């Protein structure tokens, strides 16, 4: 088993929404892009919510999110995992990202949206206990991963809530 690392965040200092996944999939690691698996619906959902083409270049998609005040990152900095499923992360190998520094550089975050249960569970377990996040709202959303098999329209409807939460 080999250790995997997350990417730097997609973020502008003025971001007010932070979307957190757990750690990149194999397809994302190979492409060096967040949510690169062709059946992951993260980019189609973001495109619908923030009015950009999901098929645009990665740079255009990143810029669209930054312009909308959305940051993207992962809870985990590193872990040991075989495959892409969060359930395959080796116990005791999870190391969280440096959220203390992140929030110092992104002081306007008012909503943290979790892309799936693992991201929320581990953030609450390891990060929430170390930071003062008064005034920040939390929202657990259905995973955009193809492993989470609810229909696209249901995922999209749930994810629309990131636009309606008052930040």
N, C-alpha and C. Protein backbone atom coordinates (compact mmCIF):
# COMPACT_ATOMS: atom_id res chain seq x y z
N UNK A 1 0.84 -1.18 0.00
CA UNK A 1 0.00 0.00 0.00
C UNK A 1 0.88 1.24 0.00
N UNK A 2 0.45 2.23 -0.79
CA UNK A 2 1.23 3.46 -0.82
C UNK A 2 0.42 4.62 -0.28
N UNK A 3 1.14 5.59 0.22
CA UNK A 3 0.52 6.79 0.75
C UNK A 3 0.13 7.71 -0.40
N UNK A 4 -1.04 8.30 -0.30
CA UNK A 4 -1.50 9.27 -1.30
C UNK A 4 -1.64 10.64 -0.64
N UNK A 5 -1.52 11.68 -1.46
CA UNK A 5 -1.59 13.06 -0.96
C UNK A 5 -2.68 13.82 -1.70
N UNK A 6 -3.28 14.75 -0.98
CA UNK A 6 -4.29 15.61 -1.60
C UNK A 6 -3.61 16.74 -2.36
N UNK A 7 -4.42 17.52 -3.05
CA UNK A 7 -3.94 18.65 -3.83
C UNK A 7 -4.01 19.93 -3.00
N UNK A 8 -3.38 20.96 -3.52
CA UNK A 8 -3.57 22.30 -2.96
C UNK A 8 -5.03 22.69 -3.18
N UNK A 9 -5.57 23.54 -2.33
CA UNK A 9 -6.97 23.94 -2.51
C UNK A 9 -7.16 24.79 -3.77
N UNK A 10 -8.36 24.72 -4.30
CA UNK A 10 -8.82 25.69 -5.29
C UNK A 10 -9.46 26.78 -4.43
N UNK A 11 -8.86 27.94 -4.36
CA UNK A 11 -9.41 28.94 -3.44
C UNK A 11 -8.88 30.32 -3.73
N UNK A 12 -9.74 31.30 -3.55
CA UNK A 12 -9.38 32.71 -3.58
C UNK A 12 -9.56 33.22 -2.15
N UNK A 13 -8.76 34.18 -1.70
CA UNK A 13 -8.91 34.67 -0.32
C UNK A 13 -10.31 35.16 0.03
N UNK A 14 -11.11 35.54 -0.96
CA UNK A 14 -12.46 36.04 -0.68
C UNK A 14 -13.51 34.94 -0.63
N UNK A 15 -13.12 33.69 -0.76
CA UNK A 15 -14.09 32.58 -0.76
C UNK A 15 -14.96 32.61 0.49
N UNK A 16 -16.24 32.30 0.31
CA UNK A 16 -17.16 32.24 1.46
C UNK A 16 -17.78 30.85 1.62
N UNK A 17 -17.59 29.98 0.64
CA UNK A 17 -18.06 28.59 0.70
C UNK A 17 -16.85 27.69 0.52
N UNK A 18 -16.72 26.69 1.36
CA UNK A 18 -15.67 25.69 1.24
C UNK A 18 -16.33 24.33 1.04
N UNK A 19 -16.01 23.68 -0.08
CA UNK A 19 -16.49 22.32 -0.34
C UNK A 19 -15.36 21.37 -0.02
N UNK A 20 -15.62 20.41 0.85
CA UNK A 20 -14.60 19.46 1.28
C UNK A 20 -14.95 18.04 0.86
N UNK A 21 -14.02 17.42 0.15
CA UNK A 21 -14.08 15.98 -0.09
C UNK A 21 -13.18 15.30 0.92
N UNK A 22 -12.99 14.00 0.76
CA UNK A 22 -12.11 13.28 1.68
C UNK A 22 -10.67 13.33 1.19
N UNK A 23 -10.40 12.76 0.01
CA UNK A 23 -9.07 12.76 -0.62
C UNK A 23 -9.27 12.35 -2.07
N UNK A 24 -8.42 12.79 -2.99
CA UNK A 24 -8.65 12.49 -4.41
C UNK A 24 -8.68 11.00 -4.75
N UNK A 25 -9.50 10.68 -5.74
CA UNK A 25 -9.58 9.31 -6.26
C UNK A 25 -8.35 9.01 -7.11
N UNK A 26 -8.21 7.76 -7.53
CA UNK A 26 -7.11 7.39 -8.41
C UNK A 26 -7.16 8.20 -9.70
N UNK A 27 -8.36 8.32 -10.30
CA UNK A 27 -8.49 9.09 -11.55
C UNK A 27 -8.08 10.53 -11.35
N UNK A 28 -8.45 11.12 -10.22
CA UNK A 28 -8.07 12.51 -9.94
C UNK A 28 -6.57 12.64 -9.73
N UNK A 29 -5.98 11.69 -9.02
CA UNK A 29 -4.54 11.73 -8.80
C UNK A 29 -3.79 11.62 -10.13
N UNK A 30 -4.26 10.73 -11.00
CA UNK A 30 -3.61 10.55 -12.30
C UNK A 30 -3.72 11.80 -13.17
N UNK A 31 -4.86 12.49 -13.09
CA UNK A 31 -5.07 13.70 -13.89
C UNK A 31 -4.58 14.97 -13.20
N UNK A 32 -4.24 14.87 -11.93
CA UNK A 32 -3.87 16.03 -11.10
C UNK A 32 -4.97 17.09 -11.11
N UNK A 33 -6.21 16.61 -11.00
CA UNK A 33 -7.38 17.49 -10.99
C UNK A 33 -8.41 16.96 -9.99
N UNK A 34 -9.05 17.88 -9.30
CA UNK A 34 -10.15 17.48 -8.44
C UNK A 34 -11.28 16.88 -9.27
N UNK A 35 -11.87 15.80 -8.77
CA UNK A 35 -13.07 15.18 -9.34
C UNK A 35 -12.92 14.86 -10.83
N UNK A 36 -11.84 14.16 -11.17
CA UNK A 36 -11.53 13.87 -12.57
C UNK A 36 -12.18 12.59 -13.11
N UNK A 37 -12.71 11.75 -12.24
CA UNK A 37 -13.36 10.53 -12.74
C UNK A 37 -14.50 10.93 -13.67
N UNK A 38 -14.57 10.34 -14.86
CA UNK A 38 -15.58 10.77 -15.84
C UNK A 38 -17.03 10.60 -15.37
N UNK A 39 -17.26 9.73 -14.40
CA UNK A 39 -18.64 9.55 -13.92
C UNK A 39 -18.92 10.30 -12.62
N UNK A 40 -17.91 11.00 -12.10
CA UNK A 40 -18.15 11.83 -10.92
C UNK A 40 -18.90 13.07 -11.40
N UNK A 41 -19.98 13.41 -10.72
CA UNK A 41 -20.85 14.49 -11.19
C UNK A 41 -20.57 15.84 -10.52
N UNK A 42 -19.43 15.96 -9.83
CA UNK A 42 -19.10 17.22 -9.18
C UNK A 42 -19.13 18.39 -10.16
N UNK A 43 -18.38 18.29 -11.26
CA UNK A 43 -18.29 19.40 -12.20
C UNK A 43 -19.61 19.67 -12.91
N UNK A 44 -20.36 18.64 -13.34
CA UNK A 44 -21.69 18.94 -13.91
C UNK A 44 -22.61 19.65 -12.91
N UNK A 45 -22.56 19.26 -11.65
CA UNK A 45 -23.39 19.92 -10.63
C UNK A 45 -22.93 21.36 -10.43
N UNK A 46 -21.63 21.57 -10.28
CA UNK A 46 -21.12 22.94 -10.10
C UNK A 46 -21.46 23.80 -11.32
N UNK A 47 -21.34 23.23 -12.52
CA UNK A 47 -21.68 23.97 -13.73
C UNK A 47 -23.12 24.42 -13.75
N UNK A 48 -24.03 23.54 -13.33
CA UNK A 48 -25.46 23.90 -13.30
C UNK A 48 -25.72 24.97 -12.24
N UNK A 49 -25.11 24.83 -11.08
CA UNK A 49 -25.37 25.78 -9.99
C UNK A 49 -24.75 27.15 -10.27
N UNK A 50 -23.53 27.16 -10.83
CA UNK A 50 -22.80 28.42 -10.99
C UNK A 50 -22.67 28.87 -12.46
N UNK A 51 -23.48 28.26 -13.31
CA UNK A 51 -23.61 28.70 -14.71
C UNK A 51 -22.31 28.70 -15.51
N UNK A 52 -21.65 27.55 -15.57
CA UNK A 52 -20.51 27.39 -16.47
C UNK A 52 -20.59 26.00 -17.08
N UNK A 53 -19.86 25.81 -18.16
CA UNK A 53 -19.86 24.53 -18.86
C UNK A 53 -18.96 23.54 -18.13
N UNK A 54 -19.54 22.42 -17.75
CA UNK A 54 -18.77 21.40 -17.04
C UNK A 54 -17.67 20.81 -17.92
N UNK A 55 -17.82 20.96 -19.23
CA UNK A 55 -16.82 20.42 -20.15
C UNK A 55 -15.70 21.43 -20.45
N UNK A 56 -15.74 22.60 -19.84
CA UNK A 56 -14.68 23.60 -20.01
C UNK A 56 -13.36 23.05 -19.50
N UNK A 57 -12.29 23.72 -19.84
CA UNK A 57 -10.97 23.31 -19.34
C UNK A 57 -10.97 23.37 -17.80
N UNK A 58 -10.07 22.63 -17.22
CA UNK A 58 -9.95 22.61 -15.77
C UNK A 58 -9.69 24.01 -15.23
N UNK A 59 -8.85 24.77 -15.90
CA UNK A 59 -8.55 26.14 -15.46
C UNK A 59 -9.80 27.02 -15.47
N UNK A 60 -10.61 26.90 -16.51
CA UNK A 60 -11.85 27.68 -16.61
C UNK A 60 -12.80 27.29 -15.47
N UNK A 61 -12.93 25.99 -15.20
CA UNK A 61 -13.81 25.53 -14.11
C UNK A 61 -13.33 26.04 -12.76
N UNK A 62 -12.02 25.97 -12.53
CA UNK A 62 -11.47 26.49 -11.26
C UNK A 62 -11.76 27.98 -11.12
N UNK A 63 -11.53 28.72 -12.19
CA UNK A 63 -11.77 30.16 -12.14
C UNK A 63 -13.24 30.49 -11.91
N UNK A 64 -14.14 29.69 -12.49
CA UNK A 64 -15.58 29.91 -12.29
C UNK A 64 -15.94 29.73 -10.81
N UNK A 65 -15.38 28.72 -10.18
CA UNK A 65 -15.67 28.52 -8.75
C UNK A 65 -15.08 29.65 -7.91
N UNK A 66 -13.86 30.02 -8.20
CA UNK A 66 -13.24 31.12 -7.45
C UNK A 66 -14.07 32.40 -7.60
N UNK A 67 -14.54 32.67 -8.81
CA UNK A 67 -15.36 33.87 -9.04
C UNK A 67 -16.68 33.81 -8.28
N UNK A 68 -17.18 32.61 -8.06
CA UNK A 68 -18.44 32.42 -7.33
C UNK A 68 -18.22 32.40 -5.81
N UNK A 69 -16.98 32.54 -5.37
CA UNK A 69 -16.69 32.52 -3.93
C UNK A 69 -16.62 31.14 -3.34
N UNK A 70 -16.34 30.15 -4.19
CA UNK A 70 -16.30 28.75 -3.75
C UNK A 70 -14.86 28.25 -3.73
N UNK A 71 -14.47 27.65 -2.63
CA UNK A 71 -13.18 26.98 -2.50
C UNK A 71 -13.42 25.47 -2.46
N UNK A 72 -12.45 24.71 -2.93
CA UNK A 72 -12.53 23.24 -2.94
C UNK A 72 -11.24 22.70 -2.33
N UNK A 73 -11.40 21.74 -1.44
CA UNK A 73 -10.23 21.11 -0.83
C UNK A 73 -10.64 19.75 -0.32
N UNK A 74 -9.71 19.08 0.35
CA UNK A 74 -9.98 17.78 0.96
C UNK A 74 -9.68 17.85 2.44
N UNK A 75 -10.38 17.05 3.21
CA UNK A 75 -10.13 16.98 4.64
C UNK A 75 -8.76 16.36 4.89
N UNK A 76 -8.44 15.33 4.13
CA UNK A 76 -7.19 14.62 4.36
C UNK A 76 -6.05 15.18 3.53
N UNK A 77 -4.91 15.34 4.15
CA UNK A 77 -3.68 15.70 3.45
C UNK A 77 -3.06 14.44 2.86
N UNK A 78 -3.08 13.37 3.63
CA UNK A 78 -2.50 12.11 3.20
C UNK A 78 -3.17 10.95 3.92
N UNK A 79 -3.09 9.79 3.30
CA UNK A 79 -3.55 8.55 3.90
C UNK A 79 -3.01 7.39 3.08
N UNK A 80 -3.25 6.20 3.56
CA UNK A 80 -2.92 4.99 2.81
C UNK A 80 -4.24 4.37 2.38
N UNK A 81 -4.36 4.13 1.07
CA UNK A 81 -5.62 3.61 0.54
C UNK A 81 -5.31 2.76 -0.68
N UNK A 82 -6.02 1.64 -0.80
CA UNK A 82 -5.99 0.84 -2.02
C UNK A 82 -7.28 1.14 -2.76
N UNK A 83 -7.17 1.53 -4.02
CA UNK A 83 -8.36 1.89 -4.79
C UNK A 83 -8.79 3.31 -4.48
N UNK A 84 -10.05 3.60 -4.77
CA UNK A 84 -10.56 4.96 -4.62
C UNK A 84 -11.62 5.12 -3.54
N UNK A 85 -12.10 4.04 -2.98
CA UNK A 85 -13.19 4.14 -2.00
C UNK A 85 -12.69 4.61 -0.64
N UNK A 86 -13.44 5.51 -0.02
CA UNK A 86 -13.10 5.97 1.32
C UNK A 86 -13.06 4.81 2.31
N UNK A 87 -13.88 3.81 2.08
CA UNK A 87 -13.91 2.66 2.98
C UNK A 87 -12.63 1.84 2.92
N UNK A 88 -11.78 2.11 1.91
CA UNK A 88 -10.51 1.39 1.78
C UNK A 88 -9.33 2.12 2.40
N UNK A 89 -9.59 3.24 3.07
CA UNK A 89 -8.51 3.97 3.73
C UNK A 89 -8.06 3.16 4.95
N UNK A 90 -6.76 2.94 5.03
CA UNK A 90 -6.21 2.14 6.12
C UNK A 90 -6.37 2.86 7.45
N UNK A 91 -6.88 2.15 8.42
CA UNK A 91 -7.07 2.72 9.76
C UNK A 91 -5.75 3.25 10.28
N UNK A 92 -5.82 4.43 10.90
CA UNK A 92 -4.64 5.03 11.50
C UNK A 92 -3.74 5.78 10.53
N UNK A 93 -4.08 5.80 9.25
CA UNK A 93 -3.20 6.45 8.26
C UNK A 93 -3.68 7.85 7.87
N UNK A 94 -4.83 8.28 8.36
CA UNK A 94 -5.38 9.58 7.96
C UNK A 94 -4.66 10.73 8.66
N UNK A 95 -4.19 11.68 7.86
CA UNK A 95 -3.59 12.91 8.39
C UNK A 95 -4.36 14.07 7.76
N UNK A 96 -4.97 14.92 8.58
CA UNK A 96 -5.76 16.03 8.02
C UNK A 96 -4.90 17.15 7.46
N UNK A 97 -5.50 17.91 6.57
CA UNK A 97 -4.86 19.11 6.04
C UNK A 97 -4.75 20.17 7.13
N UNK A 98 -3.98 21.21 6.87
CA UNK A 98 -3.74 22.29 7.82
C UNK A 98 -4.87 23.33 7.71
N UNK A 99 -5.95 23.08 8.40
CA UNK A 99 -7.10 23.98 8.33
C UNK A 99 -6.89 25.27 9.11
N UNK A 100 -6.07 25.24 10.11
CA UNK A 100 -5.80 26.47 10.87
C UNK A 100 -5.21 27.53 9.94
N UNK A 101 -4.22 27.15 9.15
CA UNK A 101 -3.62 28.07 8.19
C UNK A 101 -4.61 28.44 7.09
N UNK A 102 -5.36 27.46 6.61
CA UNK A 102 -6.33 27.73 5.55
C UNK A 102 -7.32 28.81 5.98
N UNK A 103 -7.89 28.67 7.17
CA UNK A 103 -8.89 29.64 7.62
C UNK A 103 -8.27 31.02 7.92
N UNK A 104 -7.00 31.07 8.27
CA UNK A 104 -6.33 32.36 8.44
C UNK A 104 -6.24 33.09 7.09
N UNK A 105 -6.01 32.33 6.02
CA UNK A 105 -5.89 32.92 4.69
C UNK A 105 -7.24 33.08 3.97
N UNK A 106 -8.27 32.46 4.51
CA UNK A 106 -9.62 32.52 3.91
C UNK A 106 -10.64 32.82 5.03
N UNK A 107 -10.57 34.03 5.57
CA UNK A 107 -11.37 34.37 6.75
C UNK A 107 -12.86 34.59 6.48
N UNK A 108 -13.27 34.56 5.22
CA UNK A 108 -14.67 34.83 4.89
C UNK A 108 -15.52 33.56 4.75
N UNK A 109 -14.93 32.40 4.99
CA UNK A 109 -15.69 31.14 4.86
C UNK A 109 -16.83 31.17 5.87
N UNK A 110 -18.06 31.00 5.36
CA UNK A 110 -19.25 30.98 6.21
C UNK A 110 -20.05 29.68 6.07
N UNK A 111 -19.68 28.87 5.07
CA UNK A 111 -20.35 27.59 4.86
C UNK A 111 -19.31 26.56 4.48
N UNK A 112 -19.32 25.43 5.18
CA UNK A 112 -18.51 24.27 4.79
C UNK A 112 -19.49 23.19 4.35
N UNK A 113 -19.37 22.81 3.08
CA UNK A 113 -20.23 21.76 2.51
C UNK A 113 -19.38 20.52 2.32
N UNK A 114 -19.86 19.41 2.84
CA UNK A 114 -19.13 18.16 2.76
C UNK A 114 -19.62 17.32 1.61
N UNK A 115 -18.70 16.91 0.74
CA UNK A 115 -19.01 16.05 -0.38
C UNK A 115 -18.94 14.61 0.11
N UNK A 116 -19.97 14.19 0.80
CA UNK A 116 -20.05 12.82 1.30
C UNK A 116 -19.81 12.70 2.80
N UNK A 117 -20.13 11.52 3.32
CA UNK A 117 -20.09 11.24 4.75
C UNK A 117 -18.69 11.17 5.33
N UNK A 118 -17.74 10.57 4.61
CA UNK A 118 -16.38 10.42 5.14
C UNK A 118 -15.76 11.79 5.41
N UNK A 119 -15.92 12.72 4.49
CA UNK A 119 -15.36 14.05 4.67
C UNK A 119 -15.93 14.69 5.94
N UNK A 120 -17.24 14.61 6.10
CA UNK A 120 -17.86 15.21 7.28
C UNK A 120 -17.40 14.52 8.56
N UNK A 121 -17.42 13.21 8.55
CA UNK A 121 -17.08 12.44 9.75
C UNK A 121 -15.65 12.74 10.21
N UNK A 122 -14.72 12.72 9.29
CA UNK A 122 -13.34 12.93 9.70
C UNK A 122 -13.06 14.39 10.06
N UNK A 123 -13.68 15.33 9.39
CA UNK A 123 -13.53 16.74 9.75
C UNK A 123 -14.03 16.97 11.17
N UNK A 124 -15.19 16.42 11.48
CA UNK A 124 -15.74 16.60 12.83
C UNK A 124 -14.85 15.95 13.88
N UNK A 125 -14.29 14.81 13.53
CA UNK A 125 -13.48 14.05 14.49
C UNK A 125 -12.14 14.71 14.77
N UNK A 126 -11.51 15.29 13.75
CA UNK A 126 -10.14 15.76 13.94
C UNK A 126 -9.95 17.26 13.83
N UNK A 127 -10.76 17.94 13.06
CA UNK A 127 -10.53 19.36 12.81
C UNK A 127 -11.39 20.22 13.72
N UNK A 128 -12.66 19.89 13.84
CA UNK A 128 -13.59 20.71 14.64
C UNK A 128 -13.13 20.86 16.08
N UNK A 129 -12.46 19.86 16.59
CA UNK A 129 -12.03 19.90 17.99
C UNK A 129 -10.87 20.88 18.21
N UNK A 130 -10.22 21.32 17.13
CA UNK A 130 -9.03 22.17 17.25
C UNK A 130 -9.25 23.61 16.80
N UNK A 131 -10.39 23.91 16.21
CA UNK A 131 -10.62 25.24 15.65
C UNK A 131 -11.87 25.88 16.22
N UNK A 132 -11.88 27.19 16.25
CA UNK A 132 -13.07 27.95 16.61
C UNK A 132 -13.74 28.37 15.32
N UNK A 133 -14.83 27.71 14.96
CA UNK A 133 -15.52 28.00 13.71
C UNK A 133 -16.91 28.59 13.97
N UNK A 134 -16.99 29.44 14.99
CA UNK A 134 -18.26 30.13 15.27
C UNK A 134 -18.68 30.93 14.05
N UNK A 135 -19.95 30.88 13.73
CA UNK A 135 -20.47 31.61 12.60
C UNK A 135 -20.40 30.85 11.28
N UNK A 136 -19.75 29.69 11.29
CA UNK A 136 -19.66 28.87 10.08
C UNK A 136 -20.77 27.82 10.13
N UNK A 137 -21.49 27.70 9.02
CA UNK A 137 -22.54 26.68 8.90
C UNK A 137 -21.95 25.46 8.22
N UNK A 138 -22.57 24.31 8.50
CA UNK A 138 -22.09 23.03 7.95
C UNK A 138 -23.23 22.35 7.22
N UNK A 139 -22.89 21.72 6.11
CA UNK A 139 -23.90 21.08 5.28
C UNK A 139 -23.33 19.79 4.71
N UNK A 140 -23.90 18.65 5.10
CA UNK A 140 -23.48 17.37 4.52
C UNK A 140 -24.32 17.12 3.28
N UNK A 141 -23.64 16.87 2.17
CA UNK A 141 -24.31 16.65 0.88
C UNK A 141 -24.00 15.25 0.37
N UNK A 142 -24.86 14.74 -0.53
CA UNK A 142 -24.59 13.41 -1.07
C UNK A 142 -23.31 13.44 -1.91
N UNK A 143 -22.53 12.40 -1.80
CA UNK A 143 -21.29 12.31 -2.56
C UNK A 143 -21.57 12.39 -4.05
N UNK A 144 -20.69 13.10 -4.75
CA UNK A 144 -20.80 13.19 -6.21
C UNK A 144 -20.13 12.01 -6.90
N UNK A 145 -19.55 11.13 -6.12
CA UNK A 145 -18.87 9.95 -6.64
C UNK A 145 -19.83 9.01 -7.35
N UNK A 146 -19.36 8.31 -8.40
CA UNK A 146 -20.22 7.31 -9.04
C UNK A 146 -20.54 6.14 -8.11
N UNK A 147 -19.78 5.98 -7.03
CA UNK A 147 -20.08 4.91 -6.07
C UNK A 147 -21.35 5.21 -5.27
N UNK A 148 -21.72 6.47 -5.20
CA UNK A 148 -22.95 6.88 -4.50
C UNK A 148 -24.03 6.98 -5.57
N UNK A 149 -24.89 5.98 -5.62
CA UNK A 149 -25.74 5.75 -6.79
C UNK A 149 -27.12 6.37 -6.77
N UNK A 150 -27.29 7.51 -6.13
CA UNK A 150 -28.59 8.16 -6.26
C UNK A 150 -28.61 8.92 -7.59
N UNK A 151 -29.77 9.14 -8.16
CA UNK A 151 -29.86 9.81 -9.46
C UNK A 151 -29.28 11.23 -9.45
N UNK A 152 -28.78 11.64 -10.60
CA UNK A 152 -28.17 12.97 -10.76
C UNK A 152 -29.10 14.08 -10.28
N UNK A 153 -30.37 14.04 -10.68
CA UNK A 153 -31.29 15.12 -10.31
C UNK A 153 -31.47 15.23 -8.80
N UNK A 154 -31.40 14.11 -8.09
CA UNK A 154 -31.49 14.16 -6.62
C UNK A 154 -30.23 14.78 -6.02
N UNK A 155 -29.07 14.41 -6.57
CA UNK A 155 -27.83 15.01 -6.10
C UNK A 155 -27.84 16.51 -6.37
N UNK A 156 -28.22 16.89 -7.58
CA UNK A 156 -28.26 18.31 -7.95
C UNK A 156 -29.20 19.08 -7.02
N UNK A 157 -30.37 18.54 -6.76
CA UNK A 157 -31.33 19.22 -5.88
C UNK A 157 -30.73 19.43 -4.49
N UNK A 158 -30.05 18.43 -3.96
CA UNK A 158 -29.44 18.57 -2.64
C UNK A 158 -28.32 19.62 -2.66
N UNK A 159 -27.50 19.58 -3.70
CA UNK A 159 -26.37 20.50 -3.80
C UNK A 159 -26.82 21.94 -4.02
N UNK A 160 -28.01 22.17 -4.55
CA UNK A 160 -28.51 23.54 -4.73
C UNK A 160 -28.52 24.31 -3.41
N UNK A 161 -28.55 23.59 -2.30
CA UNK A 161 -28.60 24.24 -0.99
C UNK A 161 -27.38 25.11 -0.71
N UNK A 162 -26.27 24.86 -1.40
CA UNK A 162 -25.10 25.72 -1.15
C UNK A 162 -25.35 27.15 -1.62
N UNK A 163 -26.28 27.32 -2.55
CA UNK A 163 -26.62 28.67 -3.02
C UNK A 163 -27.66 29.35 -2.13
N UNK A 164 -28.42 28.58 -1.39
CA UNK A 164 -29.51 29.15 -0.61
C UNK A 164 -29.14 29.44 0.84
N UNK A 165 -28.05 28.84 1.31
CA UNK A 165 -27.63 29.10 2.68
C UNK A 165 -27.05 30.50 2.74
N UNK A 166 -27.54 31.27 3.66
CA UNK A 166 -27.06 32.66 3.80
C UNK A 166 -25.63 32.64 4.33
N UNK A 167 -24.75 33.22 3.56
CA UNK A 167 -23.35 33.25 3.96
C UNK A 167 -23.04 34.63 4.44
